[in-house]
Amino acid sequence: MPTISRPVPFGRYGRAMPQQPQHSRRRRLPRVDEISAGGIALKNDGSGLQGVLIGKADRRGRLAWSLPKGKVESGETLEQTAEREVAEETGINATVIAPLGSVEYWFIADGRRIHKTVHHFLLRATGGVLSDADVEVTEVAWVPLEQIAEQLAYPDERDLLRAVPQLWEQAA
């Protein structure tokens, strides 16, 4: 049986370079871009501003508090998505007052590299009843504005809250 030889690549100093076996080369995962919207809905019940947060169980089973958000559906604007997602995930109806900013991150799911952009808005609560009926949500709660940052699990969401007091005052 004849031996088949392949050329050996040589490095900078004339040494043979190690080659990865064909089977161990990493397969490049397909990239997917996803766009979501959501935000912080506020109300003033006379005792001060409160915002509605959602709690979801993380991979370790701990409750992680965050701002409600979800994927943009066909034909929706970012603002419409934010209003719909707040209502679906919290039971609270709200209208957009102002943009707060966007957060981008990467994760891997279902064999894909996902680049997610989430657009956040400041919303004014207009009605509804607090509800955790959404299957993705474990708990919902009104939290005093000054306590929201320490409650949120994600630093990027905490950073977005810095502009809230000034934007709320401008909208009043």
Protein backbone atom coordinates (compact mmCIF):
# COMPACT_ATOMS: atom_id res chain seq x y z
CA MET A 1 0.00 0.00 0.00
CA PRO A 2 1.57 3.30 -1.01
CA THR A 3 2.15 6.03 1.59
CA ILE A 4 0.68 9.39 0.78
CA SER A 5 2.76 12.27 1.98
CA ARG A 6 1.61 15.82 2.46
CA PRO A 7 3.83 18.84 2.43
CA VAL A 8 4.80 19.86 5.96
CA PRO A 9 4.38 23.59 6.62
CA PHE A 10 7.45 25.21 8.07
CA GLY A 11 7.39 28.10 10.49
CA ARG A 12 9.49 31.22 10.60
CA TYR A 13 12.66 29.44 11.75
CA GLY A 14 12.42 26.40 9.48
CA ARG A 15 10.77 24.15 12.07
CA ALA A 16 7.83 21.98 11.18
CA MET A 17 4.63 23.50 12.51
CA PRO A 18 2.21 21.28 14.40
CA GLN A 19 -1.01 20.69 12.56
CA GLN A 20 -4.42 20.19 14.09
CA PRO A 21 -6.04 16.95 13.08
CA GLN A 22 -8.89 17.52 10.63
CA HIS A 23 -11.50 16.28 13.13
CA SER A 24 -10.47 18.70 15.91
CA ARG A 25 -10.80 21.94 13.97
CA ARG A 26 -13.57 24.08 15.36
CA ARG A 27 -16.67 24.53 13.28
CA ARG A 28 -17.64 28.16 12.98
CA LEU A 29 -21.12 28.71 14.37
CA PRO A 30 -23.57 30.70 12.26
CA ARG A 31 -24.16 34.26 13.49
CA VAL A 32 -27.67 35.58 14.10
CA ASP A 33 -28.64 39.16 14.95
CA GLU A 34 -31.62 39.63 17.27
CA ILE A 35 -33.31 42.88 18.24
CA SER A 36 -35.41 43.32 21.38
CA ALA A 37 -37.00 46.23 23.22
CA GLY A 38 -38.29 46.90 26.70
CA GLY A 39 -37.68 49.23 29.57
CA ILE A 40 -38.65 50.59 32.94
CA ALA A 41 -42.28 51.55 33.54
CA LEU A 42 -42.70 54.06 36.36
CA LYS A 43 -45.62 55.25 38.45
CA ASN A 44 -45.90 57.85 41.19
CA ASP A 45 -48.36 56.64 43.80
CA GLY A 46 -47.86 59.62 46.10
CA SER A 47 -45.08 57.98 48.10
CA GLY A 48 -42.52 58.43 45.33
CA LEU A 49 -41.56 56.89 42.01
CA GLN A 50 -41.71 53.14 41.63
CA GLY A 51 -40.67 50.96 38.71
CA VAL A 52 -41.89 47.53 37.74
CA LEU A 53 -39.31 44.73 37.52
CA ILE A 54 -39.49 41.08 36.53
CA GLY A 55 -37.78 38.18 38.24
CA LYS A 56 -36.71 35.08 36.33
CA ALA A 57 -34.96 31.98 37.60
CA ASP A 58 -31.38 31.85 36.31
CA ARG A 59 -29.46 28.66 35.42
CA ARG A 60 -28.68 28.05 39.08
CA GLY A 61 -32.31 28.50 40.11
CA ARG A 62 -31.73 31.91 41.73
CA LEU A 63 -34.13 34.78 41.09
CA ALA A 64 -32.54 37.39 38.79
CA TRP A 65 -34.36 40.73 38.60
CA SER A 66 -34.34 42.65 35.32
CA LEU A 67 -36.25 45.06 33.13
CA PRO A 68 -39.02 43.55 31.00
CA LYS A 69 -38.03 43.09 27.36
CA GLY A 70 -38.55 40.86 24.34
CA LYS A 71 -38.12 40.37 20.61
CA VAL A 72 -39.48 42.84 18.08
CA GLU A 73 -42.33 41.29 16.11
CA SER A 74 -42.90 41.85 12.41
CA GLY A 75 -44.27 45.33 11.68
CA GLU A 76 -43.61 46.70 15.19
CA THR A 77 -41.59 49.76 16.08
CA LEU A 78 -39.15 49.54 18.98
CA GLU A 79 -41.52 51.66 21.08
CA GLN A 80 -44.48 49.38 20.33
CA THR A 81 -42.41 46.35 21.29
CA ALA A 82 -41.38 47.97 24.59
CA GLU A 83 -45.00 48.76 25.47
CA ARG A 84 -46.21 45.26 24.48
CA GLU A 85 -43.43 43.46 26.36
CA VAL A 86 -43.98 45.48 29.55
CA ALA A 87 -47.71 44.62 29.39
CA GLU A 88 -47.12 40.93 28.61
CA GLU A 89 -44.46 40.35 31.25
CA THR A 90 -45.85 42.52 34.09
CA GLY A 91 -49.56 43.11 33.46
CA ILE A 92 -48.91 46.87 33.49
CA ASN A 93 -49.95 49.06 30.55
CA ALA A 94 -47.47 51.84 29.84
CA THR A 95 -46.54 54.41 27.21
CA VAL A 96 -43.04 55.32 26.09
CA ILE A 97 -41.71 58.67 27.32
CA ALA A 98 -38.10 58.60 26.14
CA PRO A 99 -35.31 56.28 24.99
CA LEU A 100 -32.79 55.21 27.67
CA GLY A 101 -30.19 53.54 25.46
CA SER A 102 -29.22 50.15 24.12
CA VAL A 103 -27.33 47.14 25.43
CA GLU A 104 -25.50 44.66 23.20
CA TYR A 105 -24.21 41.22 24.10
CA TRP A 106 -23.33 37.83 22.61
CA PHE A 107 -24.39 34.34 23.60
CA ILE A 108 -24.59 30.86 22.11
CA ALA A 109 -27.88 28.99 21.81
CA ASP A 110 -29.14 26.22 19.57
CA GLY A 111 -25.77 25.96 17.82
CA ARG A 112 -25.73 29.65 16.87
CA ARG A 113 -23.73 32.72 17.95
CA ILE A 114 -26.36 35.32 18.75
CA HIS A 115 -25.63 39.05 18.72
CA LYS A 116 -28.44 40.63 20.73
CA THR A 117 -29.27 44.33 20.81
CA VAL A 118 -31.85 45.44 23.39
CA HIS A 119 -33.31 48.95 23.12
CA HIS A 120 -34.55 50.28 26.47
CA PHE A 121 -37.12 53.00 27.08
CA LEU A 122 -38.55 54.97 29.97
CA LEU A 123 -42.30 54.35 30.15
CA ARG A 124 -45.16 55.85 32.18
CA ALA A 125 -47.51 53.29 33.74
CA THR A 126 -51.10 54.02 32.67
CA GLY A 127 -53.02 51.10 34.17
CA GLY A 128 -53.25 47.38 34.50
CA VAL A 129 -52.70 45.03 37.42
CA LEU A 130 -49.37 43.51 38.40
CA SER A 131 -49.26 39.92 37.13
CA ASP A 132 -46.69 37.16 36.74
CA ALA A 133 -48.92 35.20 34.33
CA ASP A 134 -46.25 35.21 31.59
CA VAL A 135 -44.58 31.76 31.55
CA GLU A 136 -41.11 33.33 31.27
CA VAL A 137 -41.58 35.36 34.46
CA THR A 138 -41.34 34.00 38.01
CA GLU A 139 -42.18 37.21 39.89
CA VAL A 140 -43.07 40.86 39.26
CA ALA A 141 -42.79 43.72 41.71
CA TRP A 142 -43.05 47.47 42.08
CA VAL A 143 -39.72 48.70 43.47
CA PRO A 144 -38.93 52.23 44.71
CA LEU A 145 -36.80 54.01 42.08
CA GLU A 146 -33.89 54.53 44.48
CA GLN A 147 -33.72 50.75 45.15
CA ILE A 148 -34.00 49.49 41.56
CA ALA A 149 -30.29 49.68 40.71
CA GLU A 150 -29.31 47.46 43.66
CA GLN A 151 -32.09 45.01 42.75
CA LEU A 152 -31.13 44.56 39.08
CA ALA A 153 -28.95 41.56 38.21
CA TYR A 154 -27.32 43.09 35.12
CA PRO A 155 -24.81 45.98 35.32
CA ASP A 156 -25.73 47.28 31.83
CA GLU A 157 -29.34 47.77 32.93
CA ARG A 158 -28.20 49.53 36.12
CA ASP A 159 -26.15 51.94 34.00
CA LEU A 160 -29.19 52.86 31.90
CA LEU A 161 -31.10 54.00 35.00
CA ARG A 162 -28.83 57.00 35.60
CA ALA A 163 -30.80 59.09 33.11
CA VAL A 164 -34.24 58.18 34.51
CA PRO A 165 -34.75 60.96 37.12
CA GLN A 166 -33.86 63.75 34.68
CA LEU A 167 -35.94 62.27 31.83
CA TRP A 168 -38.93 61.79 34.17
CA GLU A 169 -38.70 65.44 35.30
CA GLN A 170 -38.52 66.67 31.70
CA ALA A 171 -41.61 64.65 30.79
CA ALA A 172 -43.65 65.84 33.79
